[in-house]
């Protein structure tokens, strides 16, 4: 006896009415390289998005009533607006996290050679030093540096005459560690020499320069064996416990030579 078979013509017609492709359509879409998905229309995307919003709304209402034990069940709340605000908050938070991650690795796109080469520029060693001695982001502005040198050249020469510290070295240290006087420590506490004198407030910049000279004389007497050679002084400072930055000597020498601070040693 022949069993009843489904009416294939009726099934194909129902699939067509429901928007499902027929067997022939699927065969056409398969192609020689295997099957692939049918084209997705904007209507399909909006439909799925609307379904997602409705699911989020239902979940939000459920969690709210569960946490409040149904205390506000008689109060009508603008659930669609709440759901929309939650979606916007999620998007904004995600972007903020991505931005924070990108900001933590600003040099990730550089090759190893480019990164190594950039360390020999004026800006890069200063940035490396400031990671240990102040907020990152300060750069040594050339015009402000020139104005700073003009302002403190006589002070540097005076400290050199009294203590034997090359004026070029003192000036380079002050430029670097105060960002040419722009660092908050220099503005608010008259501290132009960074971490070694951190936590102290000075009545004037001159008082700070003198305190720094006394600090070097008292705590680092071996530095004075370098005589008047600014390169030896820079290397001795890097090798001492004065700071832990491995680029400190190169940075000081670069600043001295860029602004020709060695001329201060002849005053």
Protein backbone atom coordinates (compact mmCIF):
# COMPACT_ATOMS: atom_id res chain seq x y z
CA UNK A 1 0.00 0.00 0.00
CA UNK A 2 1.36 3.45 -0.90
CA UNK A 3 1.78 5.80 2.03
CA UNK A 4 0.76 9.44 1.82
CA UNK A 5 3.59 11.73 0.70
CA UNK A 6 3.78 15.46 1.41
CA UNK A 7 2.46 17.70 -1.30
CA UNK A 8 5.75 19.04 -2.66
CA UNK A 9 4.08 21.67 -4.79
CA UNK A 10 2.21 23.01 -1.77
CA UNK A 11 5.40 23.06 0.35
CA UNK A 12 7.35 24.95 -2.33
CA UNK A 13 4.50 27.45 -2.61
CA UNK A 14 4.45 28.00 1.16
CA UNK A 15 8.22 28.46 1.26
CA UNK A 16 8.03 30.98 -1.53
CA UNK A 17 5.26 32.88 0.25
CA UNK A 18 7.32 32.89 3.50
CA UNK A 19 10.38 34.25 1.75
CA UNK A 20 12.39 30.99 1.78
CA UNK A 21 14.27 30.08 -1.41
CA UNK A 22 13.26 26.98 -3.31
CA UNK A 23 15.55 23.97 -3.88
CA UNK A 24 16.33 25.25 -7.37
CA UNK A 25 17.26 28.65 -5.98
CA UNK A 26 19.62 27.08 -3.44
CA UNK A 27 21.23 25.01 -6.17
CA UNK A 28 21.79 28.14 -8.25
CA UNK A 29 23.29 29.93 -5.26
CA UNK A 30 25.67 27.07 -4.40
CA UNK A 31 27.89 27.65 -7.44
CA UNK A 32 31.00 25.71 -8.29
CA UNK A 33 32.93 26.70 -5.15
CA UNK A 34 30.34 25.63 -2.62
CA UNK A 35 27.31 27.24 -0.99
CA UNK A 36 27.16 30.81 0.26
CA UNK A 37 24.59 32.87 2.10
CA UNK A 38 21.87 34.73 0.33
CA UNK A 39 22.09 38.51 0.07
CA UNK A 40 21.08 40.30 3.27
CA UNK A 41 18.86 43.29 2.77
CA UNK A 42 18.51 46.39 4.91
CA UNK A 43 15.09 45.16 5.93
CA UNK A 44 16.60 41.96 7.28
CA UNK A 45 19.14 43.92 9.30
CA UNK A 46 16.50 46.25 10.74
CA UNK A 47 14.30 43.28 11.55
CA UNK A 48 17.08 41.52 13.44
CA UNK A 49 18.01 44.76 15.19
CA UNK A 50 14.41 45.27 16.28
CA UNK A 51 14.29 41.72 17.61
CA UNK A 52 17.49 42.36 19.55
CA UNK A 53 16.09 45.56 21.04
CA UNK A 54 12.91 43.75 22.09
CA UNK A 55 14.95 40.97 23.72
CA UNK A 56 17.07 43.54 25.53
CA UNK A 57 13.91 45.31 26.66
CA UNK A 58 12.38 42.10 28.01
CA UNK A 59 15.62 41.21 29.83
CA UNK A 60 15.86 44.72 31.25
CA UNK A 61 12.30 44.65 32.56
CA UNK A 62 12.81 41.19 34.04
CA UNK A 63 16.00 42.21 35.87
CA UNK A 64 14.39 45.41 37.11
CA UNK A 65 11.35 43.62 38.52
CA UNK A 66 13.54 40.89 40.00
CA UNK A 67 15.81 43.36 41.77
CA UNK A 68 12.94 45.50 43.03
CA UNK A 69 10.78 42.48 43.97
CA UNK A 70 7.93 43.89 41.90
CA UNK A 71 7.66 47.02 44.01
CA UNK A 72 7.25 49.19 40.91
CA UNK A 73 5.11 46.81 38.86
CA UNK A 74 2.22 49.28 38.83
CA UNK A 75 4.38 52.12 37.56
CA UNK A 76 4.68 52.52 33.81
CA UNK A 77 8.24 53.27 32.81
CA UNK A 78 9.54 54.38 29.39
CA UNK A 79 11.23 51.05 28.73
CA UNK A 80 12.07 51.77 25.11
CA UNK A 81 13.84 54.98 26.07
CA UNK A 82 15.68 53.16 28.86
CA UNK A 83 16.78 50.43 26.46
CA UNK A 84 17.93 53.00 23.92
CA UNK A 85 19.92 54.83 26.59
CA UNK A 86 21.51 51.52 27.65
CA UNK A 87 22.57 50.81 24.05
CA UNK A 88 24.05 54.30 23.66
CA UNK A 89 25.91 53.93 26.96
CA UNK A 90 27.30 50.58 25.84
CA UNK A 91 28.56 52.05 22.55
CA UNK A 92 30.12 55.09 24.22
CA UNK A 93 31.80 52.93 26.88
CA UNK A 94 33.22 50.59 24.24
CA UNK A 95 34.65 53.50 22.25
CA UNK A 96 36.15 55.01 25.39
CA UNK A 97 37.88 51.72 26.24
CA UNK A 98 39.26 51.43 22.71
CA UNK A 99 40.53 55.00 22.86
CA UNK A 100 42.25 54.36 26.19
CA UNK A 101 43.96 51.24 24.83
CA UNK A 102 45.15 53.09 21.73
CA UNK A 103 46.48 55.95 23.81
CA UNK A 104 48.58 53.57 25.85
CA UNK A 105 50.42 52.38 22.73
CA UNK A 106 50.95 55.45 20.53
CA UNK A 107 54.10 54.01 18.91
CA UNK A 108 52.65 50.57 18.14
CA UNK A 109 52.63 51.32 14.42
CA UNK A 110 56.37 52.04 14.22
CA UNK A 111 58.83 49.45 13.07
CA UNK A 112 61.74 48.52 15.32
CA UNK A 113 64.14 50.57 13.26
CA UNK A 114 61.95 53.64 13.26
CA UNK A 115 61.40 53.43 17.01
CA UNK A 116 65.12 53.09 17.68
CA UNK A 117 65.88 56.00 15.40
CA UNK A 118 63.28 58.19 17.05
CA UNK A 119 65.01 57.79 20.41
CA UNK A 120 67.84 59.93 19.09
CA UNK A 121 65.53 62.85 18.41
CA UNK A 122 65.11 65.56 21.04
CA UNK A 123 61.48 64.77 21.84
CA UNK A 124 61.76 61.01 22.41
CA UNK A 125 64.44 60.95 25.16
CA UNK A 126 62.61 63.75 26.97
CA UNK A 127 59.42 61.70 26.89
CA UNK A 128 61.28 58.66 28.25
CA UNK A 129 62.75 60.73 31.08
CA UNK A 130 59.44 62.29 32.01
CA UNK A 131 57.81 58.90 32.48
CA UNK A 132 59.86 58.67 35.67
CA UNK A 133 59.98 62.34 36.69
CA UNK A 134 56.64 63.85 35.83
CA UNK A 135 53.47 63.62 33.75
CA UNK A 136 54.09 62.34 30.25
CA UNK A 137 53.26 64.60 27.34
CA UNK A 138 55.63 67.51 28.05
CA UNK A 139 57.86 68.51 25.17
CA UNK A 140 60.74 70.95 25.12
CA UNK A 141 59.41 73.86 23.07
CA UNK A 142 62.33 75.52 21.26
CA UNK A 143 61.18 79.12 21.68
CA UNK A 144 60.42 78.64 25.36
CA UNK A 145 63.76 76.91 25.81
CA UNK A 146 65.60 79.87 24.29
CA UNK A 147 63.74 82.28 26.56
CA UNK A 148 64.56 80.07 29.56
CA UNK A 149 68.27 80.00 28.66
CA UNK A 150 68.35 83.79 28.39
CA UNK A 151 66.62 84.11 31.75
CA UNK A 152 68.89 81.75 33.71
CA UNK A 153 72.24 81.97 31.89
CA UNK A 154 73.76 84.26 34.55
CA UNK A 155 72.48 82.01 37.35
CA UNK A 156 74.06 78.97 35.68
CA UNK A 157 77.36 80.83 35.27
CA UNK A 158 77.26 81.92 38.92
CA UNK A 159 76.66 78.35 40.14
CA UNK A 160 79.53 77.14 37.94
CA UNK A 161 81.89 79.73 39.40
CA UNK A 162 80.95 78.89 42.99
CA UNK A 163 80.59 75.08 42.82
CA UNK A 164 82.46 74.00 39.68
CA UNK A 165 79.40 72.51 38.00
CA UNK A 166 79.48 73.21 34.24
CA UNK A 167 76.85 75.81 33.41
CA UNK A 168 75.94 73.81 30.32
CA UNK A 169 75.08 70.76 32.42
CA UNK A 170 73.06 72.71 34.98
CA UNK A 171 71.13 74.48 32.25
CA UNK A 172 70.44 71.25 30.35
CA UNK A 173 69.20 69.58 33.55
CA UNK A 174 66.91 72.49 34.35
CA UNK A 175 65.56 72.64 30.79
CA UNK A 176 64.87 68.93 30.75
CA UNK A 177 63.45 68.43 34.22
CA UNK A 178 61.28 71.56 34.26
CA UNK A 179 60.27 71.47 30.57
CA UNK A 180 61.77 74.98 30.22
CA UNK A 181 59.87 76.14 33.30
CA UNK A 182 56.50 74.82 32.11
CA UNK A 183 56.25 71.82 34.43
CA UNK A 184 53.78 72.25 37.33
CA UNK A 185 56.58 71.70 39.84
CA UNK A 186 58.44 74.67 38.41
CA UNK A 187 55.35 76.86 38.24
CA UNK A 188 53.90 76.01 41.62
CA UNK A 189 56.92 75.14 43.78
CA UNK A 190 59.82 76.81 41.91
CA UNK A 191 61.37 73.35 41.52
CA UNK A 192 63.31 73.27 38.25
CA UNK A 193 65.25 70.06 38.94
CA UNK A 194 62.56 67.43 39.27
CA UNK A 195 62.48 64.37 41.49
CA UNK A 196 65.72 64.87 43.50
CA UNK A 197 64.15 67.98 45.07
CA UNK A 198 60.54 66.87 44.83
CA UNK A 199 58.22 67.70 47.71
CA UNK A 200 60.01 70.94 48.57
CA UNK A 201 58.73 74.45 47.95
CA UNK A 202 61.23 77.18 47.12
CA UNK A 203 60.72 80.90 47.47
CA UNK A 204 62.40 81.57 44.15
CA UNK A 205 63.93 79.79 41.18
CA UNK A 206 67.38 81.03 42.26
CA UNK A 207 66.95 79.36 45.67
CA UNK A 208 66.09 76.13 43.87
CA UNK A 209 69.17 76.35 41.63
CA UNK A 210 71.38 76.87 44.68
CA UNK A 211 69.76 73.97 46.56
CA UNK A 212 70.41 71.73 43.58
CA UNK A 213 74.09 72.70 43.51
CA UNK A 214 74.39 71.98 47.23
CA UNK A 215 72.65 68.63 46.70
CA UNK A 216 75.17 67.59 44.04
CA UNK A 217 78.07 68.73 46.18
CA UNK A 218 76.78 66.92 49.27
CA UNK A 219 75.33 63.71 47.83
CA UNK A 220 77.36 63.15 44.66
CA UNK A 221 80.94 64.36 45.25
CA UNK A 222 82.34 61.92 42.66
CA UNK A 223 80.67 63.94 39.91
CA UNK A 224 83.17 66.75 40.35
CA UNK A 225 85.99 64.49 39.18
CA UNK A 226 84.65 65.08 35.63
CA UNK A 227 86.08 68.61 35.75
CA UNK A 228 84.57 70.96 33.18
CA UNK A 229 83.83 68.34 30.51
CA UNK A 230 80.06 68.36 29.99
CA UNK A 231 80.03 64.92 28.33
CA UNK A 232 81.83 63.34 31.29
CA UNK A 233 79.44 65.09 33.65
CA UNK A 234 76.41 63.79 31.74
CA UNK A 235 77.76 60.24 31.80
CA UNK A 236 78.64 60.45 35.49
CA UNK A 237 75.14 61.66 36.32
CA UNK A 238 73.62 58.75 34.42
CA UNK A 239 75.88 56.23 36.16
CA UNK A 240 75.22 57.64 39.62
CA UNK A 241 72.08 57.10 41.66
CA UNK A 242 70.91 60.60 40.69
CA UNK A 243 68.38 59.06 38.32
CA UNK A 244 67.64 55.69 36.77
CA UNK A 245 66.99 56.73 33.17
CA UNK A 246 69.26 54.94 30.69
CA UNK A 247 68.98 57.81 28.16
CA UNK A 248 69.78 60.60 30.59
CA UNK A 249 73.37 61.27 29.44
CA UNK A 250 72.48 61.21 25.74
CA UNK A 251 69.55 63.54 26.37
CA UNK A 252 71.65 66.07 28.29
CA UNK A 253 74.38 66.06 25.63
CA UNK A 254 71.81 66.45 22.88
CA UNK A 255 70.21 69.46 24.59
CA UNK A 256 73.62 71.03 25.25
CA UNK A 257 74.69 70.68 21.64
CA UNK A 258 71.34 71.63 20.14
CA UNK A 259 71.25 74.94 22.02
CA UNK A 260 75.06 75.36 22.12
CA UNK A 261 75.00 75.52 25.89
CA UNK A 262 78.72 74.75 25.99
CA UNK A 263 79.20 78.47 25.31
CA UNK A 264 77.91 79.09 28.84
CA UNK A 265 80.96 77.28 30.19
CA UNK A 266 83.14 80.09 28.77
CA UNK A 267 81.37 82.90 30.61
